[in-house]
Each structure stands twice: as C-alpha cells, then as structure tokens.
Amino acid sequence: LREILKRPIDQQEFRTARAACTALGLLGDPSAIDALAYGLFIRIRGNGIYPHAARAMVRLGSAASVPALLDLLQDHNPEVTLLLQSYGGVVGAEPPPPGTMQNVALDALRGFSAPAAIPALIALAQNRTVLADANAARMLRAKAAEVLAYTALTLPPNHPDRARTFDVISGMFREEPIAQGDLAGLTADSLA
C-alpha cells in the first residue's frame, strides 16, 4: 500500500490513492507515515486526497505523525519536494505555489495541537523571510501563528510555553499595520 501511495503523480489514480490512505490508517502501522505525508500532496484532476491522508495520520497518532509533519513544515522531505516539482510536467496541472509544503503541514498540525510543534511553529511565525514573496510569507506566518494559538490553548494555564506562545503572537500583531475595522489590534491588546 505504501508503494502504491508513493507512485509518481502521473501514475496515480484518485480512488486507489484514497483507498490506500484509508487502509493504511486502519492498519495502524506507524511505518506508513512517510507514505501518508506524501499522500497529503496528491492531487489528481483537481481532486486531492488530503482529507484521507490526514485522517489516516490522526489514526496513527501524534507520536508517529507530528515528526513527519514537522519535517514538512521545515521543508525537509525530499520525496514531497520532488512530487511538488513534478506537477509542472503533468498536462493540465500547475506547479503548486511556493509555501505549499508548509501550508499543508500547518493544516495537518492544526488537528494535533501538539506541544512538540511549538518551537517549530514559533520559528516559522517569526521568520519574515520564509518565502521570497512578502505577502505570501506574511500569510504563511499568520497561519503558523493561528496553529500556534490553537496549540497553546490546549496547554495548562501555567505552562511556560503558553505564555511564550502568546508573547510571540501579540508581538506579531504589534508589528503588522492594522487595517480599519480589523480586530487584530483589539486582540493584541487583550493578549498583552
């Protein structure tokens, strides 16, 4: 099943890839995590299997899934990098925009609220040059801050990472100009 899921994009079939994700999640074998991380990025004729791969990763648990998601967040998965690059050579497919690997990893990490992800989330949220496009970098940083907030809210009120996390988030709100009608300023003041 892992080999089926990790086929090149031009050899993938949506229903087969989706079924492979579901089966790997039901089998509960943590050795499937790399194939499922790859599966998060499979899009065939406009259909993605992300929900199926993410659900299978949840079934495998935080201990197996979060390290793989952190590798994706830090752009340390060469197989996924090759997959994303391969979309440019597939008829009818466009290469994904910069930051896709990190965006997808953030989406999946949101479902775990894993304290182990806090240092990597803080690093991403504070990295102003994470992407060459300043607007795309700002959006990616904001998404990292959102996942960071969800994660911190699961910590006990007196946990040191909780205060540190909200300090980082409130600092981000202070550095960005506030648009008229934007509640971010009010939120930043309440976090301070």
C-alpha atoms as a PDB file:
ATOM      1  CA  LEU A   1       0.000   0.000   0.000  1.00  0.00           C
ATOM      2  CA  ARG A   2       2.843   2.403   0.801  1.00  0.00           C
ATOM      3  CA  GLU A   3       4.369   1.864  -2.631  1.00  0.00           C
ATOM      4  CA  ILE A   4       1.006   2.460  -4.309  1.00  0.00           C
ATOM      5  CA  LEU A   5       0.582   5.752  -2.485  1.00  0.00           C
ATOM      6  CA  LYS A   6       4.121   6.926  -3.277  1.00  0.00           C
ATOM      7  CA  ARG A   7       3.839   6.470  -7.043  1.00  0.00           C
ATOM      8  CA  PRO A   8       4.772   9.441  -9.248  1.00  0.00           C
ATOM      9  CA  ILE A   9       1.836  11.772  -9.850  1.00  0.00           C
ATOM     10  CA  ASP A  10       1.407  10.720 -13.479  1.00  0.00           C
ATOM     11  CA  GLN A  11       0.852   7.124 -12.295  1.00  0.00           C
ATOM     12  CA  GLN A  12      -1.696   7.920  -9.578  1.00  0.00           C
ATOM     13  CA  GLU A  13      -5.386   7.134  -9.671  1.00  0.00           C
ATOM     14  CA  PHE A  14      -7.632   9.024  -7.258  1.00  0.00           C
ATOM     15  CA  ARG A  15      -9.746   6.159  -5.899  1.00  0.00           C
ATOM     16  CA  THR A  16      -6.740   3.881  -5.462  1.00  0.00           C
ATOM     17  CA  ALA A  17      -4.729   6.553  -3.630  1.00  0.00           C
ATOM     18  CA  ARG A  18      -7.711   7.423  -1.437  1.00  0.00           C
ATOM     19  CA  ALA A  19      -8.289   3.752  -0.576  1.00  0.00           C
ATOM     20  CA  ALA A  20      -4.592   3.268   0.190  1.00  0.00           C
ATOM     21  CA  CYS A  21      -4.727   6.147   2.700  1.00  0.00           C
ATOM     22  CA  THR A  22      -7.805   4.746   4.372  1.00  0.00           C
ATOM     23  CA  ALA A  23      -6.332   1.237   4.576  1.00  0.00           C
ATOM     24  CA  LEU A  24      -3.003   2.467   5.951  1.00  0.00           C
ATOM     25  CA  GLY A  25      -4.826   4.385   8.667  1.00  0.00           C
ATOM     26  CA  LEU A  26      -6.930   1.366   9.590  1.00  0.00           C
ATOM     27  CA  LEU A  27      -3.864  -0.914   9.707  1.00  0.00           C
ATOM     28  CA  GLY A  28      -2.316   1.432  12.265  1.00  0.00           C
ATOM     29  CA  ASP A  29       1.277   0.785  11.203  1.00  0.00           C
ATOM     30  CA  PRO A  30       3.472   3.813  12.010  1.00  0.00           C
ATOM     31  CA  SER A  31       5.886   2.826   9.222  1.00  0.00           C
ATOM     32  CA  ALA A  32       3.241   4.137   6.793  1.00  0.00           C
ATOM     33  CA  ILE A  33       3.703   7.718   7.959  1.00  0.00           C
ATOM     34  CA  ASP A  34       6.070   8.754   5.126  1.00  0.00           C
ATOM     35  CA  ALA A  35       3.639   7.463   2.512  1.00  0.00           C
ATOM     36  CA  LEU A  36       0.777   9.315   4.195  1.00  0.00           C
ATOM     37  CA  ALA A  37       2.840  12.530   4.366  1.00  0.00           C
ATOM     38  CA  TYR A  38       3.369  12.126   0.606  1.00  0.00           C
ATOM     39  CA  GLY A  39      -0.353  11.481   0.193  1.00  0.00           C
ATOM     40  CA  LEU A  40      -1.203  14.870   1.706  1.00  0.00           C
ATOM     41  CA  PHE A  41       0.031  16.426  -1.558  1.00  0.00           C
ATOM     42  CA  ILE A  42      -1.546  14.147  -4.174  1.00  0.00           C
ATOM     43  CA  ARG A  43      -3.972  15.999  -6.452  1.00  0.00           C
ATOM     44  CA  ILE A  44      -5.392  14.159  -9.436  1.00  0.00           C
ATOM     45  CA  ARG A  45      -7.507  16.052 -11.962  1.00  0.00           C
ATOM     46  CA  GLY A  46      -8.389  18.624  -9.336  1.00  0.00           C
ATOM     47  CA  ASN A  47      -9.198  16.068  -6.623  1.00  0.00           C
ATOM     48  CA  GLY A  48      -6.942  15.911  -3.593  1.00  0.00           C
ATOM     49  CA  ILE A  49      -6.667  13.038  -1.169  1.00  0.00           C
ATOM     50  CA  TYR A  50      -5.501  15.321   1.664  1.00  0.00           C
ATOM     51  CA  PRO A  51      -8.519  14.570   3.924  1.00  0.00           C
ATOM     52  CA  HIS A  52      -7.941  10.838   3.641  1.00  0.00           C
ATOM     53  CA  ALA A  53      -4.195  11.075   4.289  1.00  0.00           C
ATOM     54  CA  ALA A  54      -4.725  13.480   7.203  1.00  0.00           C
ATOM     55  CA  ARG A  55      -7.406  11.255   8.756  1.00  0.00           C
ATOM     56  CA  ALA A  56      -5.066   8.248   8.483  1.00  0.00           C
ATOM     57  CA  MET A  57      -2.283  10.240  10.162  1.00  0.00           C
ATOM     58  CA  VAL A  58      -4.624  11.066  13.030  1.00  0.00           C
ATOM     59  CA  ARG A  59      -5.369   7.348  13.385  1.00  0.00           C
ATOM     60  CA  LEU A  60      -1.625   6.656  13.610  1.00  0.00           C
ATOM     61  CA  GLY A  61      -1.351   9.205  16.388  1.00  0.00           C
ATOM     62  CA  SER A  62       0.669  12.222  17.325  1.00  0.00           C
ATOM     63  CA  ALA A  63       3.854  10.315  18.185  1.00  0.00           C
ATOM     64  CA  ALA A  64       4.156   8.996  14.615  1.00  0.00           C
ATOM     65  CA  SER A  65       2.621  11.890  12.691  1.00  0.00           C
ATOM     66  CA  VAL A  66       3.940  15.083  14.255  1.00  0.00           C
ATOM     67  CA  PRO A  67       7.648  14.438  13.495  1.00  0.00           C
ATOM     68  CA  ALA A  68       6.778  13.827   9.823  1.00  0.00           C
ATOM     69  CA  LEU A  69       4.652  16.988   9.743  1.00  0.00           C
ATOM     70  CA  LEU A  70       7.474  18.985  11.323  1.00  0.00           C
ATOM     71  CA  ASP A  71       9.802  17.745   8.567  1.00  0.00           C
ATOM     72  CA  LEU A  72       7.282  19.060   6.032  1.00  0.00           C
ATOM     73  CA  LEU A  73       6.940  22.330   7.927  1.00  0.00           C
ATOM     74  CA  GLN A  74      10.697  22.800   7.746  1.00  0.00           C
ATOM     75  CA  ASP A  75      10.825  21.742   4.076  1.00  0.00           C
ATOM     76  CA  HIS A  76      12.831  18.590   4.915  1.00  0.00           C
ATOM     77  CA  ASN A  77      11.048  15.950   2.852  1.00  0.00           C
ATOM     78  CA  PRO A  78      12.843  15.337  -0.456  1.00  0.00           C
ATOM     79  CA  GLU A  79      10.163  12.935  -1.761  1.00  0.00           C
ATOM     80  CA  VAL A  80       7.426  15.530  -1.310  1.00  0.00           C
ATOM     81  CA  THR A  81       9.676  18.205  -2.816  1.00  0.00           C
ATOM     82  CA  LEU A  82      10.087  16.037  -5.937  1.00  0.00           C
ATOM     83  CA  LEU A  83       6.341  15.355  -6.042  1.00  0.00           C
ATOM     84  CA  LEU A  84       5.528  19.062  -5.889  1.00  0.00           C
ATOM     85  CA  GLN A  85       8.095  19.824  -8.598  1.00  0.00           C
ATOM     86  CA  SER A  86       6.670  17.059 -10.793  1.00  0.00           C
ATOM     87  CA  TYR A  87       3.311  18.822 -11.081  1.00  0.00           C
ATOM     88  CA  GLY A  88       4.901  21.220 -13.581  1.00  0.00           C
ATOM     89  CA  GLY A  89       5.422  18.336 -16.017  1.00  0.00           C
ATOM     90  CA  VAL A  90       1.879  16.937 -15.831  1.00  0.00           C
ATOM     91  CA  VAL A  91      -0.546  18.029 -18.523  1.00  0.00           C
ATOM     92  CA  GLY A  92      -3.357  20.075 -17.011  1.00  0.00           C
ATOM     93  CA  ALA A  93      -1.588  20.507 -13.663  1.00  0.00           C
ATOM     94  CA  GLU A  94       0.066  23.648 -12.434  1.00  0.00           C
ATOM     95  CA  PRO A  95       3.034  23.620 -10.093  1.00  0.00           C
ATOM     96  CA  PRO A  96       1.923  24.453  -6.566  1.00  0.00           C
ATOM     97  CA  PRO A  97       2.794  27.926  -5.295  1.00  0.00           C
ATOM     98  CA  PRO A  98       5.788  28.481  -3.005  1.00  0.00           C
ATOM     99  CA  GLY A  99       4.987  27.590   0.583  1.00  0.00           C
ATOM    100  CA  THR A 100       2.644  24.731  -0.326  1.00  0.00           C
ATOM    101  CA  MET A 101       4.574  22.196   1.736  1.00  0.00           C
ATOM    102  CA  GLN A 102       4.462  24.413   4.822  1.00  0.00           C
ATOM    103  CA  ASN A 103       0.795  25.375   4.333  1.00  0.00           C
ATOM    104  CA  VAL A 104      -0.309  21.756   4.091  1.00  0.00           C
ATOM    105  CA  ALA A 105       1.826  20.802   7.097  1.00  0.00           C
ATOM    106  CA  LEU A 106       0.201  23.609   9.101  1.00  0.00           C
ATOM    107  CA  ASP A 107      -3.267  22.405   8.112  1.00  0.00           C
ATOM    108  CA  ALA A 108      -2.439  18.906   9.332  1.00  0.00           C
ATOM    109  CA  LEU A 109      -0.666  20.096  12.503  1.00  0.00           C
ATOM    110  CA  ARG A 110      -3.770  22.080  13.486  1.00  0.00           C
ATOM    111  CA  GLY A 111      -5.549  18.762  14.015  1.00  0.00           C
ATOM    112  CA  PHE A 112      -2.963  17.563  16.533  1.00  0.00           C
ATOM    113  CA  SER A 113      -2.373  20.649  18.738  1.00  0.00           C
ATOM    114  CA  ALA A 114       0.964  19.043  19.588  1.00  0.00           C
ATOM    115  CA  PRO A 115       3.127  20.854  22.137  1.00  0.00           C
ATOM    116  CA  ALA A 116       6.190  19.294  20.451  1.00  0.00           C
ATOM    117  CA  ALA A 117       5.442  21.519  17.442  1.00  0.00           C
ATOM    118  CA  ILE A 118       5.618  24.792  19.389  1.00  0.00           C
ATOM    119  CA  PRO A 119       9.331  25.572  18.770  1.00  0.00           C
ATOM    120  CA  ALA A 120       8.987  24.987  15.003  1.00  0.00           C
ATOM    121  CA  LEU A 121       5.739  26.982  14.866  1.00  0.00           C
ATOM    122  CA  ILE A 122       7.345  29.886  16.722  1.00  0.00           C
ATOM    123  CA  ALA A 123      10.348  29.805  14.384  1.00  0.00           C
ATOM    124  CA  LEU A 124       8.075  29.918  11.333  1.00  0.00           C
ATOM    125  CA  ALA A 125       5.830  32.612  12.782  1.00  0.00           C
ATOM    126  CA  GLN A 126       8.851  34.812  13.446  1.00  0.00           C
ATOM    127  CA  ASN A 127      10.599  34.188  10.092  1.00  0.00           C
ATOM    128  CA  ARG A 128       9.848  37.260   7.979  1.00  0.00           C
ATOM    129  CA  THR A 129      11.800  35.892   5.007  1.00  0.00           C
ATOM    130  CA  VAL A 130      10.352  32.373   4.930  1.00  0.00           C
ATOM    131  CA  LEU A 131       9.256  32.983   1.310  1.00  0.00           C
ATOM    132  CA  ALA A 132      10.573  35.419  -1.302  1.00  0.00           C
ATOM    133  CA  ASP A 133       7.096  36.902  -1.844  1.00  0.00           C
ATOM    134  CA  ALA A 134       6.499  39.182   1.158  1.00  0.00           C
ATOM    135  CA  ASN A 135       2.697  38.830   1.041  1.00  0.00           C
ATOM    136  CA  ALA A 136       2.872  35.022   0.800  1.00  0.00           C
ATOM    137  CA  ALA A 137       5.381  34.997   3.677  1.00  0.00           C
ATOM    138  CA  ARG A 138       3.069  37.170   5.807  1.00  0.00           C
ATOM    139  CA  MET A 139       0.131  34.833   5.148  1.00  0.00           C
ATOM    140  CA  LEU A 140       2.204  31.744   5.963  1.00  0.00           C
ATOM    141  CA  ARG A 141       3.431  33.360   9.180  1.00  0.00           C
ATOM    142  CA  ALA A 142      -0.147  34.263  10.142  1.00  0.00           C
ATOM    143  CA  LYS A 143      -1.248  30.686   9.570  1.00  0.00           C
ATOM    144  CA  ALA A 144       1.638  29.454  11.742  1.00  0.00           C
ATOM    145  CA  ALA A 145       0.510  31.875  14.467  1.00  0.00           C
ATOM    146  CA  GLU A 146      -3.042  30.526  14.216  1.00  0.00           C
ATOM    147  CA  VAL A 147      -1.886  26.921  14.644  1.00  0.00           C
ATOM    148  CA  LEU A 148       0.402  28.079  17.445  1.00  0.00           C
ATOM    149  CA  ALA A 149      -2.565  29.678  19.245  1.00  0.00           C
ATOM    150  CA  TYR A 150      -4.688  26.527  18.895  1.00  0.00           C
ATOM    151  CA  THR A 151      -1.810  24.501  20.276  1.00  0.00           C
ATOM    152  CA  ALA A 152      -1.126  26.856  23.191  1.00  0.00           C
ATOM    153  CA  LEU A 153      -4.779  26.854  24.199  1.00  0.00           C
ATOM    154  CA  THR A 154      -4.523  23.115  24.890  1.00  0.00           C
ATOM    155  CA  LEU A 155      -1.740  23.702  27.438  1.00  0.00           C
ATOM    156  CA  PRO A 156      -2.435  24.232  31.141  1.00  0.00           C
ATOM    157  CA  PRO A 157      -2.707  27.958  32.023  1.00  0.00           C
ATOM    158  CA  ASN A 158       0.569  27.945  33.980  1.00  0.00           C
ATOM    159  CA  HIS A 159       2.628  26.114  31.317  1.00  0.00           C
ATOM    160  CA  PRO A 160       5.675  28.221  30.294  1.00  0.00           C
ATOM    161  CA  ASP A 161       5.162  27.544  26.571  1.00  0.00           C
ATOM    162  CA  ARG A 162       1.666  29.007  26.760  1.00  0.00           C
ATOM    163  CA  ALA A 163       2.879  32.444  27.882  1.00  0.00           C
ATOM    164  CA  ARG A 164       5.807  32.351  25.438  1.00  0.00           C
ATOM    165  CA  THR A 165       3.463  31.476  22.588  1.00  0.00           C
ATOM    166  CA  PHE A 166       1.071  34.321  23.287  1.00  0.00           C
ATOM    167  CA  ASP A 167       4.005  36.729  23.629  1.00  0.00           C
ATOM    168  CA  VAL A 168       5.103  35.758  20.102  1.00  0.00           C
ATOM    169  CA  ILE A 169       1.583  36.142  18.705  1.00  0.00           C
ATOM    170  CA  SER A 170       0.965  39.509  20.353  1.00  0.00           C
ATOM    171  CA  GLY A 171       4.352  40.682  19.037  1.00  0.00           C
ATOM    172  CA  MET A 172       3.265  39.743  15.528  1.00  0.00           C
ATOM    173  CA  PHE A 173       0.070  41.763  15.888  1.00  0.00           C
ATOM    174  CA  ARG A 174       2.090  44.761  17.039  1.00  0.00           C
ATOM    175  CA  GLU A 175       4.474  44.631  14.066  1.00  0.00           C
ATOM    176  CA  GLU A 176       1.761  44.486  11.374  1.00  0.00           C
ATOM    177  CA  PRO A 177      -0.177  47.621  10.446  1.00  0.00           C
ATOM    178  CA  ILE A 178      -3.804  47.351  11.494  1.00  0.00           C
ATOM    179  CA  ALA A 179      -6.443  47.966   8.844  1.00  0.00           C
ATOM    180  CA  GLN A 180      -9.514  49.984   9.770  1.00  0.00           C
ATOM    181  CA  GLY A 181     -12.156  47.630  11.138  1.00  0.00           C
ATOM    182  CA  ASP A 182      -9.581  44.922  11.804  1.00  0.00           C
ATOM    183  CA  LEU A 183      -9.970  43.326  15.243  1.00  0.00           C
ATOM    184  CA  ALA A 184      -6.321  42.253  15.370  1.00  0.00           C
ATOM    185  CA  GLY A 185      -5.378  45.368  17.350  1.00  0.00           C
ATOM    186  CA  LEU A 186      -8.003  44.660  19.955  1.00  0.00           C
ATOM    187  CA  THR A 187      -6.878  41.039  20.141  1.00  0.00           C
ATOM    188  CA  ALA A 188      -3.231  42.041  20.514  1.00  0.00           C
ATOM    189  CA  ASP A 189      -4.099  44.392  23.381  1.00  0.00           C
ATOM    190  CA  SER A 190      -6.038  41.675  25.168  1.00  0.00           C
ATOM    191  CA  LEU A 191      -3.119  39.247  24.837  1.00  0.00           C
ATOM    192  CA  ALA A 192      -0.563  41.725  26.164  1.00  0.00           C
END
